[in-house]
Amino acid sequence: MAGKLIQKALVVISLLGTTFVSLNAAGTTNSLFAIEGGSSSLNAQTNTAGYEIQKASMGHFGLKLGAEGENYRVFFSARNFLAEGDNKVLTAGIEAQYKFNFSKPVDFFIGANGGTAYIEIEPNGANPIVDITTPYFGADVGFNYHVSQATDLELGVKYMYIDNSITQGATTYDFRDLTSVYGSIIFKWQMD
């Protein structure tokens, strides 16, 4: 199961790389730096009470570094999810997006993402810390508002499919997906 997930993640990452090559071949290119914040939900199951669904809601913040052409953009991203207590959720990955420029001040985007997630939870009781590093892949969608030639405001939704489990003692933690609603400010400058 993990092998198939890794294969899928590698396909997504190679598609993102192809998009980046296409982006560089297209006319004017901008460098991008973004600061992101939002609200996220991690879905998991545990077998402690007959496989009940666990949903952890948390805030997050992140940084993105990338490039854009007229219709495409690519980001390398890192996010820290503000989990309760000593729990940790971190992601690092790449995102490629296609922009639909339907008006001068606003564009709509749809994209794909892939990378690695690190999840660490400290269950109640005597169990030791549970941690897992796993690939993820998913999609995102949203809008950009062009505040100025050098600044965009972005609102979006991001879905990351994880599908990995870990067993510790008698308990199995089955991680499913991570969904985020976010906003970011994007700073742009010309690469040429």
Protein backbone atom coordinates (compact mmCIF):
# COMPACT_ATOMS: atom_id res chain seq x y z
CA MET A 1 0.00 0.00 0.00
CA ALA A 2 2.79 2.45 0.89
CA GLY A 3 4.58 1.59 -2.38
CA LYS A 4 1.54 2.54 -4.47
CA LEU A 5 1.14 5.78 -2.53
CA ILE A 6 4.79 6.67 -3.11
CA GLN A 7 4.39 5.90 -6.83
CA LYS A 8 1.36 8.21 -7.03
CA ALA A 9 3.23 10.96 -5.17
CA LEU A 10 6.18 10.63 -7.58
CA VAL A 11 3.84 10.95 -10.58
CA VAL A 12 2.34 14.14 -9.10
CA ILE A 13 5.80 15.57 -8.40
CA SER A 14 7.01 14.77 -11.95
CA LEU A 15 3.91 16.48 -13.39
CA LEU A 16 4.67 19.50 -11.24
CA GLY A 17 8.25 19.53 -12.54
CA THR A 18 6.99 19.42 -16.14
CA THR A 19 4.73 22.36 -15.37
CA PHE A 20 7.70 24.30 -13.99
CA VAL A 21 9.65 23.72 -17.25
CA SER A 22 6.62 24.96 -19.23
CA LEU A 23 6.37 27.97 -16.95
CA ASN A 24 9.97 28.98 -17.60
CA ALA A 25 9.46 28.67 -21.37
CA ALA A 26 6.59 31.16 -21.33
CA GLY A 27 7.52 34.88 -21.70
CA THR A 28 7.72 37.01 -18.54
CA THR A 29 8.34 35.17 -15.30
CA ASN A 30 7.92 36.51 -11.76
CA SER A 31 9.53 35.24 -8.58
CA LEU A 32 7.08 34.72 -5.71
CA PHE A 33 7.33 34.72 -1.92
CA ALA A 34 4.17 34.09 0.12
CA ILE A 35 3.14 34.05 3.77
CA GLU A 36 0.11 31.87 4.45
CA GLY A 37 -2.29 31.34 7.36
CA GLY A 38 -5.49 29.40 7.75
CA SER A 39 -7.60 26.76 9.40
CA SER A 40 -7.08 23.03 8.84
CA SER A 41 -8.64 19.70 9.68
CA LEU A 42 -6.75 16.38 10.02
CA ASN A 43 -8.97 13.31 9.60
CA ALA A 44 -7.90 10.04 11.20
CA GLN A 45 -9.38 6.85 12.64
CA THR A 46 -8.40 4.87 15.71
CA ASN A 47 -9.45 1.37 16.68
CA THR A 48 -9.76 2.23 20.38
CA ALA A 49 -13.57 2.37 20.26
CA GLY A 50 -14.49 0.40 17.16
CA TYR A 51 -12.72 2.60 14.62
CA GLU A 52 -14.14 5.97 15.42
CA ILE A 53 -13.28 8.94 13.21
CA GLN A 54 -11.08 11.54 14.84
CA LYS A 55 -11.07 15.07 13.44
CA ALA A 56 -8.48 17.53 14.71
CA SER A 57 -9.13 21.17 13.86
CA MET A 58 -6.14 23.50 14.03
CA GLY A 59 -4.73 26.71 12.65
CA HIS A 60 -1.67 26.74 10.43
CA PHE A 61 0.93 29.07 8.98
CA GLY A 62 3.36 28.56 6.14
CA LEU A 63 5.87 29.99 3.70
CA LYS A 64 5.92 29.49 -0.07
CA LEU A 65 8.66 30.30 -2.59
CA GLY A 66 7.96 30.04 -6.29
CA ALA A 67 7.67 31.42 -9.79
CA GLU A 68 4.84 32.30 -12.16
CA GLY A 69 4.19 32.88 -15.83
CA GLU A 70 1.06 34.27 -17.41
CA ASN A 71 -1.07 31.16 -16.78
CA TYR A 72 1.02 28.95 -14.47
CA ARG A 73 2.74 29.13 -11.13
CA VAL A 74 4.78 26.73 -9.02
CA PHE A 75 5.53 26.93 -5.28
CA PHE A 76 7.81 25.08 -2.91
CA SER A 77 5.99 25.21 0.43
CA ALA A 78 6.42 24.45 4.14
CA ARG A 79 3.62 24.55 6.73
CA ASN A 80 3.38 24.22 10.50
CA PHE A 81 -0.04 23.17 11.78
CA LEU A 82 -0.84 24.40 15.28
CA ALA A 83 -1.97 21.14 16.87
CA GLU A 84 -3.08 20.97 20.51
CA GLY A 85 -0.62 20.16 23.29
CA ASP A 86 2.69 18.61 22.25
CA ASN A 87 1.26 17.19 19.00
CA LYS A 88 2.92 18.25 15.72
CA VAL A 89 1.90 18.29 12.08
CA LEU A 90 4.39 19.63 9.49
CA THR A 91 4.36 19.47 5.70
CA ALA A 92 6.87 20.30 2.96
CA GLY A 93 6.11 19.98 -0.73
CA ILE A 94 5.55 21.44 -4.16
CA GLU A 95 2.40 22.91 -5.75
CA ALA A 96 1.64 23.66 -9.40
CA GLN A 97 -1.36 25.73 -10.38
CA TYR A 98 -3.05 26.80 -13.60
CA LYS A 99 -4.51 30.32 -13.51
CA PHE A 100 -7.66 31.35 -15.36
CA ASN A 101 -7.27 35.10 -15.95
CA PHE A 102 -10.93 36.06 -16.36
CA SER A 103 -10.45 39.71 -15.28
CA LYS A 104 -7.59 42.13 -14.64
CA PRO A 105 -7.91 42.35 -10.84
CA VAL A 106 -8.83 38.69 -10.11
CA ASP A 107 -7.88 35.24 -11.38
CA PHE A 108 -9.08 31.75 -10.46
CA PHE A 109 -6.63 28.87 -10.02
CA ILE A 110 -6.73 25.10 -9.82
CA GLY A 111 -3.72 22.95 -9.03
CA ALA A 112 -2.05 19.81 -7.74
CA ASN A 113 0.25 19.32 -4.77
CA GLY A 114 2.58 16.65 -3.43
CA GLY A 115 5.18 16.27 -0.71
CA THR A 116 5.89 14.85 2.73
CA ALA A 117 3.92 15.16 5.98
CA TYR A 118 5.32 14.58 9.47
CA ILE A 119 2.71 13.81 12.15
CA GLU A 120 3.55 13.37 15.83
CA ILE A 121 0.88 12.72 18.45
CA GLU A 122 1.18 12.11 22.17
CA PRO A 123 -1.78 9.97 23.23
CA ASN A 124 -3.23 10.17 26.73
CA GLY A 125 -2.06 7.48 29.10
CA ALA A 126 1.08 5.39 29.13
CA ASN A 127 1.57 5.00 25.36
CA PRO A 128 4.75 6.56 23.96
CA ILE A 129 4.70 9.27 21.28
CA VAL A 130 3.39 8.13 17.88
CA ASP A 131 5.13 9.66 14.86
CA ILE A 132 4.91 9.04 11.14
CA THR A 133 6.51 10.54 8.02
CA THR A 134 4.42 9.93 4.92
CA PRO A 135 3.99 11.22 1.37
CA TYR A 136 0.88 13.18 0.45
CA PHE A 137 -0.70 14.36 -2.78
CA GLY A 138 -3.79 16.36 -3.51
CA ALA A 139 -5.38 19.39 -5.13
CA ASP A 140 -6.07 23.05 -4.46
CA VAL A 141 -8.40 25.70 -5.79
CA GLY A 142 -8.91 29.41 -5.12
CA PHE A 143 -8.78 33.06 -6.19
CA ASN A 144 -6.03 35.70 -6.43
CA TYR A 145 -6.73 39.39 -6.09
CA HIS A 146 -4.02 41.56 -7.67
CA VAL A 147 -3.58 44.38 -5.13
CA SER A 148 -0.67 45.85 -7.10
CA GLN A 149 1.93 44.79 -9.65
CA ALA A 150 4.07 43.49 -6.76
CA THR A 151 1.41 42.04 -4.41
CA ASP A 152 -1.44 39.50 -4.60
CA LEU A 153 -3.92 38.34 -1.97
CA GLU A 154 -4.90 34.69 -2.29
CA LEU A 155 -7.87 32.77 -0.84
CA GLY A 156 -7.95 29.02 -1.34
CA VAL A 157 -8.79 25.49 -0.25
CA LYS A 158 -6.16 22.74 -0.21
CA TYR A 159 -6.72 18.97 0.09
CA MET A 160 -3.86 16.59 0.95
CA TYR A 161 -4.50 12.83 0.76
CA ILE A 162 -2.32 10.93 3.26
CA ASP A 163 -3.73 7.39 3.75
CA ASN A 164 -1.12 5.91 6.10
CA SER A 165 -1.43 4.07 9.39
CA ILE A 166 0.78 3.16 12.33
CA THR A 167 0.16 0.62 15.09
CA GLN A 168 1.49 1.21 18.56
CA GLY A 169 0.65 -1.41 21.14
CA ALA A 170 -3.03 -2.32 20.77
CA THR A 171 -3.93 0.98 19.05
CA THR A 172 -3.87 1.63 15.31
CA TYR A 173 -3.84 5.24 14.08
CA ASP A 174 -5.11 5.48 10.50
CA PHE A 175 -4.39 8.93 9.01
CA ARG A 176 -6.61 9.85 6.05
CA ASP A 177 -6.36 13.44 4.83
CA LEU A 178 -5.64 17.05 5.69
CA THR A 179 -7.89 19.85 4.41
CA SER A 180 -7.09 23.57 4.73
CA VAL A 181 -8.91 26.83 4.08
CA TYR A 182 -6.29 29.57 3.86
CA GLY A 183 -5.35 33.07 2.88
CA SER A 184 -1.94 34.33 1.85
CA ILE A 185 -0.16 37.46 0.79
CA ILE A 186 2.13 36.96 -2.21
CA PHE A 187 5.03 39.27 -3.02
CA LYS A 188 6.14 39.29 -6.68
CA TRP A 189 9.19 40.57 -8.55
CA GLN A 190 10.50 40.08 -12.09
CA MET A 191 13.10 37.37 -12.69
CA ASP A 192 14.24 38.73 -16.09
